[in-house]
Amino acid sequence: MQIVDAQVHIWSSGTPLGPHLQVSNYGADQLLREMAEAGVDAALIHPPGWDPNSHQLALEAVRAHPNKFAILGYLPPEQPASRDLIAAWKKEPGVLGLRYALVRPEQKTWHDDGTMDWIWPAAEKVGLPVALMASRFFPLLGQIAERHPGLRLIVDHLGYVSGGKDDGAFAKNDELCALAKYPNIAVKATGAPGYSTEQYPYRNIHDHMHRIFDAYGPDRFFWGTDITRMPCTYRQCITMFTEELPWLKGRDLERVMGAAVCDWIGWQREAAPK
């Protein structure tokens, strides 16, 4: 079974946001060591906004380790030049999609003030999946999915409510599960340990995750960590899914732990040597 982390960050400067590991440098070599120790085969890099050089750093990581890393990058939607760049976005090594967290103050209205309106048809046209922290605008996300059926959308972090813990983190589960009717929406099951105030294996959030899995199925539910802000070890992030969820077994487990996200974003990784 290949294990592919659907969300990691690497950076070389700046101050990480929120509960991320508060260091000014966390590079590909350090991440690779931790992946090897935990048994993670590959990871999808999301260049973080606090480091202006993060996209270049991600490209360098992909060039050095093309079977280990791919990228969901960031094109500034408010900059006119991005409209010309998106057509050639996938020509950069390992760049397979876009990701927008929309957490900075100046970004929080972009989804509904027109700033991002051009992104949806442009990404659909060139085949770029788009990941979003979308819990603030689930109804709009459904409209986008319906208007652009060829656009593959990914809801980040189990659709959690920012700042929420335990049941509060999953307060919008009804809205999230209702979106499963759109076949072009998937969910990243990333950051789960950080949403519980309990200790490993965080059983008080398992039912919430089970409900999302039942709605989306194994082909649209992607394991991942956001490891630099997790309250547990990398290995525990894996075993929480592989050992502690009795409803996730067999082929379903294989899809969730890596195969499904690779298919969704079009990452054709080479098979690991036997």
C-alpha atoms as a PDB file:
ATOM      1  CA  MET A   1       0.000   0.000   0.000  1.00  0.00           C
ATOM      2  CA  GLN A   2       1.405   3.362  -1.015  1.00  0.00           C
ATOM      3  CA  ILE A   3       1.064   6.080   1.605  1.00  0.00           C
ATOM      4  CA  VAL A   4       0.821   9.595   0.182  1.00  0.00           C
ATOM      5  CA  ASP A   5       0.422  12.596   2.459  1.00  0.00           C
ATOM      6  CA  ALA A   6      -2.131  14.954   0.902  1.00  0.00           C
ATOM      7  CA  GLN A   7      -0.710  18.052   2.628  1.00  0.00           C
ATOM      8  CA  VAL A   8       2.706  19.147   3.834  1.00  0.00           C
ATOM      9  CA  HIS A   9       4.530  22.477   3.987  1.00  0.00           C
ATOM     10  CA  ILE A  10       8.202  23.285   3.585  1.00  0.00           C
ATOM     11  CA  TRP A  11       9.708  26.741   4.022  1.00  0.00           C
ATOM     12  CA  SER A  12      13.011  28.609   4.294  1.00  0.00           C
ATOM     13  CA  SER A  13      11.977  31.891   5.927  1.00  0.00           C
ATOM     14  CA  GLY A  14       9.144  33.728   7.596  1.00  0.00           C
ATOM     15  CA  THR A  15       6.985  33.038  10.618  1.00  0.00           C
ATOM     16  CA  PRO A  16       4.538  30.146  10.299  1.00  0.00           C
ATOM     17  CA  LEU A  17       0.886  30.911  10.931  1.00  0.00           C
ATOM     18  CA  GLY A  18      -1.092  29.388  13.786  1.00  0.00           C
ATOM     19  CA  PRO A  19       0.128  26.270  15.585  1.00  0.00           C
ATOM     20  CA  HIS A  20       2.697  25.265  12.975  1.00  0.00           C
ATOM     21  CA  LEU A  21       6.182  24.298  14.065  1.00  0.00           C
ATOM     22  CA  GLN A  22       7.667  27.690  14.955  1.00  0.00           C
ATOM     23  CA  VAL A  23      10.961  27.503  13.129  1.00  0.00           C
ATOM     24  CA  SER A  24      12.236  29.689  10.297  1.00  0.00           C
ATOM     25  CA  ASN A  25      13.412  26.770   8.176  1.00  0.00           C
ATOM     26  CA  TYR A  26      11.807  23.383   7.567  1.00  0.00           C
ATOM     27  CA  GLY A  27      13.140  21.961   4.336  1.00  0.00           C
ATOM     28  CA  ALA A  28      12.659  18.970   2.070  1.00  0.00           C
ATOM     29  CA  ASP A  29      15.577  17.024   3.567  1.00  0.00           C
ATOM     30  CA  GLN A  30      14.136  17.215   7.072  1.00  0.00           C
ATOM     31  CA  LEU A  31      10.693  16.282   5.789  1.00  0.00           C
ATOM     32  CA  LEU A  32      12.088  13.320   3.851  1.00  0.00           C
ATOM     33  CA  ARG A  33      13.801  11.997   6.976  1.00  0.00           C
ATOM     34  CA  GLU A  34      10.555  12.173   8.919  1.00  0.00           C
ATOM     35  CA  MET A  35       8.624  10.577   6.067  1.00  0.00           C
ATOM     36  CA  ALA A  36      11.111   7.693   5.902  1.00  0.00           C
ATOM     37  CA  GLU A  37      10.905   7.103   9.651  1.00  0.00           C
ATOM     38  CA  ALA A  38       7.104   7.058   9.560  1.00  0.00           C
ATOM     39  CA  GLY A  39       6.717   5.028   6.368  1.00  0.00           C
ATOM     40  CA  VAL A  40       5.305   7.759   4.127  1.00  0.00           C
ATOM     41  CA  ASP A  41       6.090   7.182   0.443  1.00  0.00           C
ATOM     42  CA  ALA A  42       5.299  10.609  -0.991  1.00  0.00           C
ATOM     43  CA  ALA A  43       3.727  13.957  -0.144  1.00  0.00           C
ATOM     44  CA  LEU A  44       1.875  16.815  -1.764  1.00  0.00           C
ATOM     45  CA  ILE A  45       3.551  20.145  -1.000  1.00  0.00           C
ATOM     46  CA  HIS A  46       1.410  23.224  -0.399  1.00  0.00           C
ATOM     47  CA  PRO A  47       3.786  26.238  -0.504  1.00  0.00           C
ATOM     48  CA  PRO A  48       2.908  28.347   2.569  1.00  0.00           C
ATOM     49  CA  GLY A  49       2.086  32.019   2.302  1.00  0.00           C
ATOM     50  CA  TRP A  50       4.450  33.124   5.066  1.00  0.00           C
ATOM     51  CA  ASP A  51       7.511  32.332   2.919  1.00  0.00           C
ATOM     52  CA  PRO A  52       7.704  34.330  -0.336  1.00  0.00           C
ATOM     53  CA  ASN A  53      10.194  31.781  -1.707  1.00  0.00           C
ATOM     54  CA  SER A  54       8.105  28.732  -0.849  1.00  0.00           C
ATOM     55  CA  HIS A  55       7.025  27.966  -4.421  1.00  0.00           C
ATOM     56  CA  GLN A  56      10.616  27.950  -5.656  1.00  0.00           C
ATOM     57  CA  LEU A  57      11.587  25.771  -2.705  1.00  0.00           C
ATOM     58  CA  ALA A  58       8.847  23.309  -3.625  1.00  0.00           C
ATOM     59  CA  LEU A  59      10.004  23.211  -7.247  1.00  0.00           C
ATOM     60  CA  GLU A  60      13.544  22.436  -6.118  1.00  0.00           C
ATOM     61  CA  ALA A  61      12.231  19.614  -3.938  1.00  0.00           C
ATOM     62  CA  VAL A  62      10.309  18.125  -6.869  1.00  0.00           C
ATOM     63  CA  ARG A  63      13.289  18.366  -9.204  1.00  0.00           C
ATOM     64  CA  ALA A  64      15.463  16.546  -6.685  1.00  0.00           C
ATOM     65  CA  HIS A  65      12.807  13.988  -5.688  1.00  0.00           C
ATOM     66  CA  PRO A  66      10.186  13.697  -8.465  1.00  0.00           C
ATOM     67  CA  ASN A  67       8.709  10.471  -7.111  1.00  0.00           C
ATOM     68  CA  LYS A  68       8.464  11.830  -3.579  1.00  0.00           C
ATOM     69  CA  PHE A  69       6.874  15.244  -4.069  1.00  0.00           C
ATOM     70  CA  ALA A  70       4.266  17.046  -6.140  1.00  0.00           C
ATOM     71  CA  ILE A  71       2.794  20.515  -5.655  1.00  0.00           C
ATOM     72  CA  LEU A  72      -0.544  22.238  -5.245  1.00  0.00           C
ATOM     73  CA  GLY A  73       0.713  25.751  -5.865  1.00  0.00           C
ATOM     74  CA  TYR A  74      -0.569  29.277  -5.493  1.00  0.00           C
ATOM     75  CA  LEU A  75      -1.321  31.797  -8.218  1.00  0.00           C
ATOM     76  CA  PRO A  76      -2.314  35.189  -6.760  1.00  0.00           C
ATOM     77  CA  PRO A  77      -5.879  35.620  -8.056  1.00  0.00           C
ATOM     78  CA  GLU A  78      -5.799  39.388  -7.571  1.00  0.00           C
ATOM     79  CA  GLN A  79      -2.819  39.845  -9.903  1.00  0.00           C
ATOM     80  CA  PRO A  80      -3.687  40.209 -13.624  1.00  0.00           C
ATOM     81  CA  ALA A  81      -0.520  38.359 -14.657  1.00  0.00           C
ATOM     82  CA  SER A  82      -1.872  35.169 -13.101  1.00  0.00           C
ATOM     83  CA  ARG A  83      -4.512  34.924 -15.815  1.00  0.00           C
ATOM     84  CA  ASP A  84      -1.768  34.436 -18.377  1.00  0.00           C
ATOM     85  CA  LEU A  85       0.304  32.125 -16.180  1.00  0.00           C
ATOM     86  CA  ILE A  86      -2.417  29.595 -15.408  1.00  0.00           C
ATOM     87  CA  ALA A  87      -2.419  28.104 -18.917  1.00  0.00           C
ATOM     88  CA  ALA A  88       1.190  26.997 -18.484  1.00  0.00           C
ATOM     89  CA  TRP A  89       0.987  26.236 -14.759  1.00  0.00           C
ATOM     90  CA  LYS A  90       1.229  22.459 -15.153  1.00  0.00           C
ATOM     91  CA  LYS A  91       4.358  22.773 -17.294  1.00  0.00           C
ATOM     92  CA  GLU A  92       6.404  23.416 -14.172  1.00  0.00           C
ATOM     93  CA  PRO A  93       7.787  20.169 -12.721  1.00  0.00           C
ATOM     94  CA  GLY A  94       5.436  18.492 -10.320  1.00  0.00           C
ATOM     95  CA  VAL A  95       2.840  21.295 -10.272  1.00  0.00           C
ATOM     96  CA  LEU A  96      -0.508  19.522 -10.445  1.00  0.00           C
ATOM     97  CA  GLY A  97      -3.019  21.991  -9.046  1.00  0.00           C
ATOM     98  CA  LEU A  98      -3.846  25.060  -6.992  1.00  0.00           C
ATOM     99  CA  ARG A  99      -4.551  25.627  -3.324  1.00  0.00           C
ATOM    100  CA  TYR A 100      -6.129  28.604  -1.560  1.00  0.00           C
ATOM    101  CA  ALA A 101      -6.356  28.770   2.232  1.00  0.00           C
ATOM    102  CA  LEU A 102      -7.968  32.236   2.225  1.00  0.00           C
ATOM    103  CA  VAL A 103      -7.068  32.843   5.873  1.00  0.00           C
ATOM    104  CA  ARG A 104      -5.226  36.152   5.666  1.00  0.00           C
ATOM    105  CA  PRO A 105      -7.380  39.232   6.309  1.00  0.00           C
ATOM    106  CA  GLU A 106      -7.096  40.551   2.766  1.00  0.00           C
ATOM    107  CA  GLN A 107      -8.074  37.143   1.323  1.00  0.00           C
ATOM    108  CA  LYS A 108     -11.195  36.375   3.317  1.00  0.00           C
ATOM    109  CA  THR A 109     -13.617  37.932   0.819  1.00  0.00           C
ATOM    110  CA  TRP A 110     -11.959  36.741  -2.391  1.00  0.00           C
ATOM    111  CA  HIS A 111     -14.350  33.823  -2.845  1.00  0.00           C
ATOM    112  CA  ASP A 112     -17.411  36.092  -3.080  1.00  0.00           C
ATOM    113  CA  ASP A 113     -16.192  39.559  -4.094  1.00  0.00           C
ATOM    114  CA  GLY A 114     -15.273  38.572  -7.657  1.00  0.00           C
ATOM    115  CA  THR A 115     -11.524  38.217  -7.100  1.00  0.00           C
ATOM    116  CA  MET A 116     -11.549  34.467  -7.728  1.00  0.00           C
ATOM    117  CA  ASP A 117     -14.335  34.283 -10.301  1.00  0.00           C
ATOM    118  CA  TRP A 118     -11.888  33.838 -13.172  1.00  0.00           C
ATOM    119  CA  ILE A 119     -10.084  30.962 -11.427  1.00  0.00           C
ATOM    120  CA  TRP A 120     -12.923  28.454 -11.738  1.00  0.00           C
ATOM    121  CA  PRO A 121     -13.369  28.423 -15.552  1.00  0.00           C
ATOM    122  CA  ALA A 122      -9.632  28.847 -16.154  1.00  0.00           C
ATOM    123  CA  ALA A 123      -8.697  25.914 -13.904  1.00  0.00           C
ATOM    124  CA  GLU A 124     -11.465  23.796 -15.399  1.00  0.00           C
ATOM    125  CA  LYS A 125     -10.197  24.524 -18.916  1.00  0.00           C
ATOM    126  CA  VAL A 126      -6.589  23.478 -18.220  1.00  0.00           C
ATOM    127  CA  GLY A 127      -7.430  20.590 -15.882  1.00  0.00           C
ATOM    128  CA  LEU A 128      -6.129  21.995 -12.610  1.00  0.00           C
ATOM    129  CA  PRO A 129      -7.755  20.724  -9.414  1.00  0.00           C
ATOM    130  CA  VAL A 130      -8.287  23.428  -6.777  1.00  0.00           C
ATOM    131  CA  ALA A 131      -8.086  22.853  -3.021  1.00  0.00           C
ATOM    132  CA  LEU A 132      -9.782  25.297  -0.661  1.00  0.00           C
ATOM    133  CA  MET A 133     -10.387  25.897   3.014  1.00  0.00           C
ATOM    134  CA  ALA A 134     -14.041  26.314   2.214  1.00  0.00           C
ATOM    135  CA  SER A 135     -16.082  25.832   5.375  1.00  0.00           C
ATOM    136  CA  ARG A 136     -17.056  29.528   5.368  1.00  0.00           C
ATOM    137  CA  PHE A 137     -18.720  29.205   1.964  1.00  0.00           C
ATOM    138  CA  PHE A 138     -19.992  25.685   1.387  1.00  0.00           C
ATOM    139  CA  PRO A 139     -23.166  26.844  -0.424  1.00  0.00           C
ATOM    140  CA  LEU A 140     -21.054  28.853  -2.871  1.00  0.00           C
ATOM    141  CA  LEU A 141     -18.739  25.876  -3.367  1.00  0.00           C
ATOM    142  CA  GLY A 142     -21.727  23.802  -4.416  1.00  0.00           C
ATOM    143  CA  GLN A 143     -22.681  26.451  -6.961  1.00  0.00           C
ATOM    144  CA  ILE A 144     -19.128  26.489  -8.332  1.00  0.00           C
ATOM    145  CA  ALA A 145     -19.105  22.702  -8.616  1.00  0.00           C
ATOM    146  CA  GLU A 146     -22.434  22.734 -10.455  1.00  0.00           C
ATOM    147  CA  ARG A 147     -21.416  25.487 -12.878  1.00  0.00           C
ATOM    148  CA  HIS A 148     -18.055  23.871 -13.625  1.00  0.00           C
ATOM    149  CA  PRO A 149     -18.554  20.088 -13.660  1.00  0.00           C
ATOM    150  CA  GLY A 150     -15.105  19.521 -15.155  1.00  0.00           C
ATOM    151  CA  LEU A 151     -13.376  21.326 -12.279  1.00  0.00           C
ATOM    152  CA  ARG A 152     -12.067  19.043  -9.554  1.00  0.00           C
ATOM    153  CA  LEU A 153     -12.452  20.707  -6.162  1.00  0.00           C
ATOM    154  CA  ILE A 154     -10.965  19.599  -2.845  1.00  0.00           C
ATOM    155  CA  VAL A 155     -12.249  20.680   0.570  1.00  0.00           C
ATOM    156  CA  ASP A 156      -9.298  21.036   2.936  1.00  0.00           C
ATOM    157  CA  HIS A 157      -9.016  19.706   6.482  1.00  0.00           C
ATOM    158  CA  LEU A 158     -12.272  17.726   6.679  1.00  0.00           C
ATOM    159  CA  GLY A 159     -14.179  20.983   6.269  1.00  0.00           C
ATOM    160  CA  TYR A 160     -13.361  21.921   9.853  1.00  0.00           C
ATOM    161  CA  VAL A 161     -14.557  25.170  11.415  1.00  0.00           C
ATOM    162  CA  SER A 162     -11.538  27.365  12.072  1.00  0.00           C
ATOM    163  CA  GLY A 163     -10.688  27.478  15.749  1.00  0.00           C
ATOM    164  CA  GLY A 164     -13.106  24.686  16.600  1.00  0.00           C
ATOM    165  CA  LYS A 165     -12.262  21.605  18.646  1.00  0.00           C
ATOM    166  CA  ASP A 166     -14.016  18.278  19.089  1.00  0.00           C
ATOM    167  CA  ASP A 167     -17.664  18.535  17.959  1.00  0.00           C
ATOM    168  CA  GLY A 168     -17.166  22.242  17.268  1.00  0.00           C
ATOM    169  CA  ALA A 169     -14.551  21.542  14.615  1.00  0.00           C
ATOM    170  CA  PHE A 170     -17.146  19.516  12.701  1.00  0.00           C
ATOM    171  CA  ALA A 171     -20.075  21.891  13.186  1.00  0.00           C
ATOM    172  CA  LYS A 172     -20.593  22.147   9.418  1.00  0.00           C
ATOM    173  CA  ASN A 173     -20.618  18.420   8.724  1.00  0.00           C
ATOM    174  CA  ASP A 174     -24.209  18.580   7.495  1.00  0.00           C
ATOM    175  CA  GLU A 175     -23.263  21.118   4.823  1.00  0.00           C
ATOM    176  CA  LEU A 176     -20.077  19.271   3.909  1.00  0.00           C
ATOM    177  CA  CYS A 177     -21.799  15.910   3.506  1.00  0.00           C
ATOM    178  CA  ALA A 178     -24.557  17.494   1.425  1.00  0.00           C
ATOM    179  CA  LEU A 179     -21.900  18.603  -1.073  1.00  0.00           C
ATOM    180  CA  ALA A 180     -21.002  14.970  -1.753  1.00  0.00           C
ATOM    181  CA  LYS A 181     -23.784  14.903  -4.345  1.00  0.00           C
ATOM    182  CA  TYR A 182     -21.409  16.793  -6.635  1.00  0.00           C
ATOM    183  CA  PRO A 183     -19.024  14.189  -8.083  1.00  0.00           C
ATOM    184  CA  ASN A 184     -16.330  16.806  -8.671  1.00  0.00           C
ATOM    185  CA  ILE A 185     -15.894  17.616  -4.956  1.00  0.00           C
ATOM    186  CA  ALA A 186     -13.520  15.613  -2.742  1.00  0.00           C
ATOM    187  CA  VAL A 187     -12.302  15.999   0.850  1.00  0.00           C
ATOM    188  CA  LYS A 188      -8.806  16.030   2.295  1.00  0.00           C
ATOM    189  CA  ALA A 189      -8.865  14.247   5.651  1.00  0.00           C
ATOM    190  CA  THR A 190      -5.899  16.307   6.783  1.00  0.00           C
ATOM    191  CA  GLY A 191      -5.047  17.646  10.216  1.00  0.00           C
ATOM    192  CA  ALA A 192      -7.475  15.366  12.076  1.00  0.00           C
ATOM    193  CA  PRO A 193      -5.431  14.934  15.297  1.00  0.00           C
ATOM    194  CA  GLY A 194      -5.363  18.695  15.736  1.00  0.00           C
ATOM    195  CA  TYR A 195      -9.161  18.907  15.984  1.00  0.00           C
ATOM    196  CA  SER A 196      -9.482  16.809  19.146  1.00  0.00           C
ATOM    197  CA  THR A 197      -8.729  17.744  22.752  1.00  0.00           C
ATOM    198  CA  GLU A 198      -8.345  14.061  23.605  1.00  0.00           C
ATOM    199  CA  GLN A 199      -5.171  11.994  23.400  1.00  0.00           C
ATOM    200  CA  TYR A 200      -4.260   9.584  20.597  1.00  0.00           C
ATOM    201  CA  PRO A 201      -6.142   7.954  18.884  1.00  0.00           C
ATOM    202  CA  TYR A 202      -8.616  10.876  19.228  1.00  0.00           C
ATOM    203  CA  ARG A 203     -11.693   8.674  19.343  1.00  0.00           C
ATOM    204  CA  ASN A 204     -14.119  11.526  19.951  1.00  0.00           C
ATOM    205  CA  ILE A 205     -13.792  12.668  16.327  1.00  0.00           C
ATOM    206  CA  HIS A 206     -13.898   9.242  14.664  1.00  0.00           C
ATOM    207  CA  ASP A 207     -17.672   9.304  14.135  1.00  0.00           C
ATOM    208  CA  HIS A 208     -17.436  12.698  12.432  1.00  0.00           C
ATOM    209  CA  MET A 209     -14.794  11.358  10.047  1.00  0.00           C
ATOM    210  CA  HIS A 210     -16.821   8.196   9.451  1.00  0.00           C
ATOM    211  CA  ARG A 211     -19.807  10.262   8.397  1.00  0.00           C
ATOM    212  CA  ILE A 212     -17.728  12.229   5.889  1.00  0.00           C
ATOM    213  CA  PHE A 213     -16.202   9.014   4.536  1.00  0.00           C
ATOM    214  CA  ASP A 214     -19.648   7.456   4.111  1.00  0.00           C
ATOM    215  CA  ALA A 215     -20.778  10.525   2.156  1.00  0.00           C
ATOM    216  CA  TYR A 216     -17.780  10.780  -0.172  1.00  0.00           C
ATOM    217  CA  GLY A 217     -16.470   7.224  -0.365  1.00  0.00           C
ATOM    218  CA  PRO A 218     -12.887   6.000  -0.663  1.00  0.00           C
ATOM    219  CA  ASP A 219     -12.204   7.673  -4.003  1.00  0.00           C
ATOM    220  CA  ARG A 220     -12.931  11.180  -2.683  1.00  0.00           C
ATOM    221  CA  PHE A 221     -11.525  11.045   0.866  1.00  0.00           C
ATOM    222  CA  PHE A 222      -7.771  11.613   1.136  1.00  0.00           C
ATOM    223  CA  TRP A 223      -5.533  10.929   4.142  1.00  0.00           C
ATOM    224  CA  GLY A 224      -2.944  13.561   5.008  1.00  0.00           C
ATOM    225  CA  THR A 225      -1.350  15.348   7.915  1.00  0.00           C
ATOM    226  CA  ASP A 226      -0.210  18.964   7.676  1.00  0.00           C
ATOM    227  CA  ILE A 227       2.483  17.384   9.824  1.00  0.00           C
ATOM    228  CA  THR A 228       4.193  20.563  11.028  1.00  0.00           C
ATOM    229  CA  ARG A 229       1.183  21.456  13.149  1.00  0.00           C
ATOM    230  CA  MET A 230       0.197  18.017  14.426  1.00  0.00           C
ATOM    231  CA  PRO A 231       0.102  17.237  18.177  1.00  0.00           C
ATOM    232  CA  CYS A 232       1.317  13.659  17.635  1.00  0.00           C
ATOM    233  CA  THR A 233       4.030  11.788  15.750  1.00  0.00           C
ATOM    234  CA  TYR A 234       3.992  11.240  11.997  1.00  0.00           C
ATOM    235  CA  ARG A 235       3.603   7.528  12.587  1.00  0.00           C
ATOM    236  CA  GLN A 236       0.564   8.098  14.789  1.00  0.00           C
ATOM    237  CA  CYS A 237      -1.023  10.192  12.048  1.00  0.00           C
ATOM    238  CA  ILE A 238      -0.821   7.052   9.905  1.00  0.00           C
ATOM    239  CA  THR A 239      -1.879   4.461  12.475  1.00  0.00           C
ATOM    240  CA  MET A 240      -4.872   6.552  13.512  1.00  0.00           C
ATOM    241  CA  PHE A 241      -6.271   5.654  10.078  1.00  0.00           C
ATOM    242  CA  THR A 242      -4.686   2.249   9.442  1.00  0.00           C
ATOM    243  CA  GLU A 243      -5.233   0.713  12.898  1.00  0.00           C
ATOM    244  CA  GLU A 244      -7.877   2.696  14.784  1.00  0.00           C
ATOM    245  CA  LEU A 245     -10.767   3.024  12.315  1.00  0.00           C
ATOM    246  CA  PRO A 246     -12.560  -0.357  12.046  1.00  0.00           C
ATOM    247  CA  TRP A 247     -14.687   0.918   9.168  1.00  0.00           C
ATOM    248  CA  LEU A 248     -11.624   1.620   6.990  1.00  0.00           C
ATOM    249  CA  LYS A 249     -10.173  -1.619   5.633  1.00  0.00           C
ATOM    250  CA  GLY A 250      -8.945  -3.395   2.509  1.00  0.00           C
ATOM    251  CA  ARG A 251      -9.249  -1.573  -0.800  1.00  0.00           C
ATOM    252  CA  ASP A 252     -10.968   1.377   0.859  1.00  0.00           C
ATOM    253  CA  LEU A 253      -7.955   1.890   3.109  1.00  0.00           C
ATOM    254  CA  GLU A 254      -5.562   1.684   0.165  1.00  0.00           C
ATOM    255  CA  ARG A 255      -7.543   4.314  -1.712  1.00  0.00           C
ATOM    256  CA  VAL A 256      -7.736   6.687   1.252  1.00  0.00           C
ATOM    257  CA  MET A 257      -4.060   6.381   2.183  1.00  0.00           C
ATOM    258  CA  GLY A 258      -2.742   7.500  -1.193  1.00  0.00           C
ATOM    259  CA  ALA A 259      -4.113   5.958  -4.356  1.00  0.00           C
ATOM    260  CA  ALA A 260      -7.230   8.149  -4.512  1.00  0.00           C
ATOM    261  CA  VAL A 261      -5.493  11.517  -4.151  1.00  0.00           C
ATOM    262  CA  CYS A 262      -2.966  10.553  -6.826  1.00  0.00           C
ATOM    263  CA  ASP A 263      -5.814   9.727  -9.197  1.00  0.00           C
ATOM    264  CA  TRP A 264      -7.732  12.899  -8.340  1.00  0.00           C
ATOM    265  CA  ILE A 265      -4.833  15.243  -9.100  1.00  0.00           C
ATOM    266  CA  GLY A 266      -3.278  13.154 -11.888  1.00  0.00           C
ATOM    267  CA  TRP A 267      -0.050  12.263 -10.108  1.00  0.00           C
ATOM    268  CA  GLN A 268       1.419   9.309 -11.959  1.00  0.00           C
ATOM    269  CA  ARG A 269       3.993   8.110  -9.470  1.00  0.00           C
ATOM    270  CA  GLU A 270       6.346   5.280 -10.301  1.00  0.00           C
ATOM    271  CA  ALA A 271       5.678   2.092  -8.384  1.00  0.00           C
ATOM    272  CA  ALA A 272       8.047   1.552  -5.480  1.00  0.00           C
ATOM    273  CA  PRO A 273      10.587  -1.261  -6.025  1.00  0.00           C
ATOM    274  CA  LYS A 274       9.617  -4.595  -4.506  1.00  0.00           C
END
